[in-house]
Amino acid sequence: MYKNINIIEVTKENEQQYLSDIVELEKSVLEKMEQEGRIGQLFITEQEGISEYINSDYNHVMVAVKNEVEPKVISATYITQGQIDFTYNDITKYFKCGSEYQKYVKSQYTENEYKRAIREVYVEKICAFKYARDLILKEFKTKNTDILTESQKNSIFLNMVKKEFENPKNKFHEKSQIRDDLNKYMTLYMKVVKKDLERYQQFYWVDFDYLKKNLTEKNQDRQNNNTKYEGIDSTIATYDRLLQLQMYKIYDKSHCTNMNKYYTANTANTVELDTYITRPDSRENGMARILVLEGIKKSIEDVLKNKDNNEIFLVSTLHEDNLSSKYVSDFFGLTDYLFVNRRSDRDRQVHIHKIERDDAYEYIARMEKKIAVLYGYNPNKIKITKQEEIRIIKEQYSYEVCELDRLNNLKDISKKRMYEGYIKGKKGKIEKLGNLLMELDAPEL
């Protein structure tokens, strides 16, 4: 109980009791944001998607319920995991593209092992592509594919993709059904048939040109490595073209102090802070953070059940102007981020935080104390010393001061106007935290 509020996980058993309230909550939050001019900062999940989360074995939907008020649900969060590799919701894929990642992968092998591995996996990927391509052609009710040659299948499939790419509202982006299905079926093939999912993740972006360059002896003439695919099987040419169309754009605004430590993130060891919303007209201080913590705790337990998971990665995606989401991510330690183009008109910051397996419970305990001190939510009656309380308040005070300075020093006047509410809020928080430290007789700040 927290100020007459119950924290509840929505499951298959109680879905009907809360689902419509969550849908209404999403709409009210979106309407409020749009009224404030914050367009594109939130894309709602809607009833079908929320229900899928609730009924999944890998996700946790948490709600805060105010008992005496209608509608009952005043805040909700979705903590998700178990995504399929390289599909839309696999956030870890952004950290596995580019030359630096390939250098890291190469360092894990001897030279001969690496050459053998990229050759073997590339052949497997071509087989996986053919499997996925044929399934998609049948699903889209293309004429009888059994009578078509490989070249004909490739031509039809590539034309389907090109139509999506040339459509300004699609551009073969991550939520393209064809693209999503292609990655989903290829992953299934590599996992079930080839049982080679780890290397598939490592060599996902390896194309035929890369393969030729790395299998060519150092003293051999490489001038023909970039020739066209003349005389090469059309399936190779088609697959490599699709890889090119899927390349991610990572902007220079990215802030990641040590990218290498995130290269081992995958869909089995990663938890996404997907959505956290609170009803605009009945806000409770820290409510979103409380729900996120409860969801994270359940998800970390899920990850730890797999003894092969030696690390846990927390991730989130957010619009760069959505400071509410930024502050939640920062609060839980997700301060490293990439700034990426996810799909047309939907650039996003992708935040990440790594927790070693042995440190998982210490992380949870630290966050529980932080929530208890700053927001008064302490259902388990955790004992917190005065020194710990002072340290937590001081850390938060310093964070708020730094963020206020950052907002005040923005050169973009339009953004400063947009953030006026946040600036005012920061000043209030700094004053409140300063008063708390004075009450605790804390040493000088």
Foldseek 3Di string as FASTA:
>chain_A
DAPQKDKDWQAPVCCVVCLVVVQVLLVLQQVVCVVLVNPQFDDDCHRVSVVCQRHDPFKIKMFIARPPDPPGTFKIFIKGFQDAPPAQPWLLLVLQDDDVLLVVVCVVDDLVVVLVLLVVVQVLLLVLQVVLLVVVCVVVVPPDCVPPDPLVSLVVSLVVQVVQLPPLVGNVFRPPPSNNSSRRSSSVCCCPVVVNNVSCSNNVLDAPLNSVVSVDDPPDDCPCSPPDCVPPDVSSVSVNVVSVSHDKDWDPVFFAPDSVVSSPDGRLQEMEREDIGGRPVDDAPCPSLVNSLVRVVVNLVNSVVPVVHQKHKYKYKGDPLPVVVVVSCVLLPQPGWIFICRTPPNIITMTMDMDGNVCVVVSSVLSQVLCCLPRVDNPPPDDDDLVRSLVSLVVVLVVLVVVLVVLVPDPPVVSNVSCVVVNVVSVVSNVVSVVVCVVSVHPDD
